[in-house]
């Protein structure tokens, strides 16, 4: 007998939308890059170094953070990133 299994969506979306992959830009020049700290341990260390490397290349970087790693980013943070930035790098760790 096969037991039924319940699969959970780790994105916290109630009904996940199918999205087409966004084509990456040819260059980062002239783009504003968001660095999003999701609150995991030492993620900020990774983002600090990444920001340093990007600044050396003359790239524009803005930093954002979730208040905790256990919840999705608040809507105002997501909207701010969408309005102010072209590209997002999200720090993960573990």
C-alpha atoms as a PDB file:
ATOM      1  CA  UNK A   1       0.000   0.000   0.000  1.00  0.00           C
ATOM      2  CA  UNK A   2       1.362   3.430  -0.959  1.00  0.00           C
ATOM      3  CA  UNK A   3       0.970   6.126   1.659  1.00  0.00           C
ATOM      4  CA  UNK A   4      -0.079   9.552   0.510  1.00  0.00           C
ATOM      5  CA  UNK A   5       2.346  12.401   1.073  1.00  0.00           C
ATOM      6  CA  UNK A   6       1.768  16.083   1.519  1.00  0.00           C
ATOM      7  CA  UNK A   7       4.338  18.324  -0.153  1.00  0.00           C
ATOM      8  CA  UNK A   8       4.846  21.788   1.266  1.00  0.00           C
ATOM      9  CA  UNK A   9       5.896  24.781  -0.810  1.00  0.00           C
ATOM     10  CA  UNK A  10       8.997  26.344   0.836  1.00  0.00           C
ATOM     11  CA  UNK A  11       8.292  29.708  -0.810  1.00  0.00           C
ATOM     12  CA  UNK A  12       5.298  30.347   1.486  1.00  0.00           C
ATOM     13  CA  UNK A  13       3.142  31.070  -1.541  1.00  0.00           C
ATOM     14  CA  UNK A  14      -0.439  29.937  -1.112  1.00  0.00           C
ATOM     15  CA  UNK A  15      -0.823  29.291  -4.814  1.00  0.00           C
ATOM     16  CA  UNK A  16       2.537  29.546  -6.573  1.00  0.00           C
ATOM     17  CA  UNK A  17       2.469  31.486  -9.815  1.00  0.00           C
ATOM     18  CA  UNK A  18       4.350  30.148 -12.792  1.00  0.00           C
ATOM     19  CA  UNK A  19       6.834  32.780 -13.864  1.00  0.00           C
ATOM     20  CA  UNK A  20       9.025  32.964 -16.898  1.00  0.00           C
ATOM     21  CA  UNK A  21      12.720  33.236 -16.210  1.00  0.00           C
ATOM     22  CA  UNK A  22      13.949  36.792 -16.542  1.00  0.00           C
ATOM     23  CA  UNK A  23      16.811  37.145 -18.993  1.00  0.00           C
ATOM     24  CA  UNK A  24      19.933  38.293 -17.118  1.00  0.00           C
ATOM     25  CA  UNK A  25      21.442  41.600 -18.247  1.00  0.00           C
ATOM     26  CA  UNK A  26      24.441  41.617 -20.551  1.00  0.00           C
ATOM     27  CA  UNK A  27      26.290  43.828 -18.081  1.00  0.00           C
ATOM     28  CA  UNK A  28      25.951  45.143 -14.521  1.00  0.00           C
ATOM     29  CA  UNK A  29      27.138  48.590 -15.599  1.00  0.00           C
ATOM     30  CA  UNK A  30      24.503  51.226 -14.941  1.00  0.00           C
ATOM     31  CA  UNK A  31      22.358  48.819 -12.911  1.00  0.00           C
ATOM     32  CA  UNK A  32      21.452  49.175  -9.250  1.00  0.00           C
ATOM     33  CA  UNK A  33      22.076  45.940  -7.357  1.00  0.00           C
ATOM     34  CA  UNK A  34      20.123  45.050  -4.221  1.00  0.00           C
ATOM     35  CA  UNK A  35      21.916  42.941  -1.632  1.00  0.00           C
ATOM     36  CA  UNK A  36      19.277  41.277   0.553  1.00  0.00           C
ATOM     37  CA  UNK A  37      20.298  39.898   3.934  1.00  0.00           C
ATOM     38  CA  UNK A  38      17.741  37.252   4.906  1.00  0.00           C
ATOM     39  CA  UNK A  39      18.927  37.157   8.509  1.00  0.00           C
ATOM     40  CA  UNK A  40      20.835  33.883   8.454  1.00  0.00           C
ATOM     41  CA  UNK A  41      24.025  33.667  10.462  1.00  0.00           C
ATOM     42  CA  UNK A  42      27.053  35.202   8.706  1.00  0.00           C
ATOM     43  CA  UNK A  43      25.026  36.141   5.625  1.00  0.00           C
ATOM     44  CA  UNK A  44      25.996  39.747   6.326  1.00  0.00           C
ATOM     45  CA  UNK A  45      29.688  38.765   6.145  1.00  0.00           C
ATOM     46  CA  UNK A  46      29.134  37.394   2.632  1.00  0.00           C
ATOM     47  CA  UNK A  47      27.214  40.507   1.593  1.00  0.00           C
ATOM     48  CA  UNK A  48      29.844  42.833   3.089  1.00  0.00           C
ATOM     49  CA  UNK A  49      32.517  41.200   0.952  1.00  0.00           C
ATOM     50  CA  UNK A  50      30.299  41.150  -2.127  1.00  0.00           C
ATOM     51  CA  UNK A  51      29.499  44.847  -1.680  1.00  0.00           C
ATOM     52  CA  UNK A  52      33.209  45.609  -1.347  1.00  0.00           C
ATOM     53  CA  UNK A  53      34.007  43.753  -4.589  1.00  0.00           C
ATOM     54  CA  UNK A  54      31.153  45.456  -6.443  1.00  0.00           C
ATOM     55  CA  UNK A  55      32.172  48.902  -5.169  1.00  0.00           C
ATOM     56  CA  UNK A  56      35.724  48.277  -6.451  1.00  0.00           C
ATOM     57  CA  UNK A  57      34.169  47.737  -9.895  1.00  0.00           C
ATOM     58  CA  UNK A  58      32.216  51.003  -9.593  1.00  0.00           C
ATOM     59  CA  UNK A  59      28.821  49.294  -9.341  1.00  0.00           C
ATOM     60  CA  UNK A  60      25.857  50.822  -7.502  1.00  0.00           C
ATOM     61  CA  UNK A  61      24.744  48.713  -4.531  1.00  0.00           C
ATOM     62  CA  UNK A  62      21.915  49.129  -2.021  1.00  0.00           C
ATOM     63  CA  UNK A  63      21.524  46.996   1.110  1.00  0.00           C
ATOM     64  CA  UNK A  64      18.270  45.580   2.455  1.00  0.00           C
ATOM     65  CA  UNK A  65      17.425  43.114   5.207  1.00  0.00           C
ATOM     66  CA  UNK A  66      14.566  40.948   6.349  1.00  0.00           C
ATOM     67  CA  UNK A  67      13.753  41.356  10.051  1.00  0.00           C
ATOM     68  CA  UNK A  68      14.058  37.591  10.582  1.00  0.00           C
ATOM     69  CA  UNK A  69      15.026  34.554   8.549  1.00  0.00           C
ATOM     70  CA  UNK A  70      11.897  32.655   9.585  1.00  0.00           C
ATOM     71  CA  UNK A  71       9.435  34.737   7.577  1.00  0.00           C
ATOM     72  CA  UNK A  72       9.134  36.047   4.050  1.00  0.00           C
ATOM     73  CA  UNK A  73      10.357  39.576   3.394  1.00  0.00           C
ATOM     74  CA  UNK A  74       7.776  42.207   4.329  1.00  0.00           C
ATOM     75  CA  UNK A  75       5.842  43.623   1.385  1.00  0.00           C
ATOM     76  CA  UNK A  76       7.317  47.103   1.853  1.00  0.00           C
ATOM     77  CA  UNK A  77      10.870  45.689   1.566  1.00  0.00           C
ATOM     78  CA  UNK A  78       9.976  43.759  -1.596  1.00  0.00           C
ATOM     79  CA  UNK A  79       8.267  46.806  -3.127  1.00  0.00           C
ATOM     80  CA  UNK A  80      11.182  49.096  -2.261  1.00  0.00           C
ATOM     81  CA  UNK A  81      13.668  46.713  -3.877  1.00  0.00           C
ATOM     82  CA  UNK A  82      11.461  46.414  -6.972  1.00  0.00           C
ATOM     83  CA  UNK A  83      11.234  50.202  -7.329  1.00  0.00           C
ATOM     84  CA  UNK A  84      14.876  51.037  -6.575  1.00  0.00           C
ATOM     85  CA  UNK A  85      16.890  48.145  -8.031  1.00  0.00           C
ATOM     86  CA  UNK A  86      17.430  46.205 -11.231  1.00  0.00           C
ATOM     87  CA  UNK A  87      19.072  43.075  -9.811  1.00  0.00           C
ATOM     88  CA  UNK A  88      18.838  41.249  -6.468  1.00  0.00           C
ATOM     89  CA  UNK A  89      21.455  39.113  -4.740  1.00  0.00           C
ATOM     90  CA  UNK A  90      20.060  37.264  -1.741  1.00  0.00           C
ATOM     91  CA  UNK A  91      22.471  36.061   0.946  1.00  0.00           C
ATOM     92  CA  UNK A  92      22.099  32.482   2.049  1.00  0.00           C
ATOM     93  CA  UNK A  93      24.210  30.609   4.550  1.00  0.00           C
ATOM     94  CA  UNK A  94      24.402  27.440   6.660  1.00  0.00           C
END
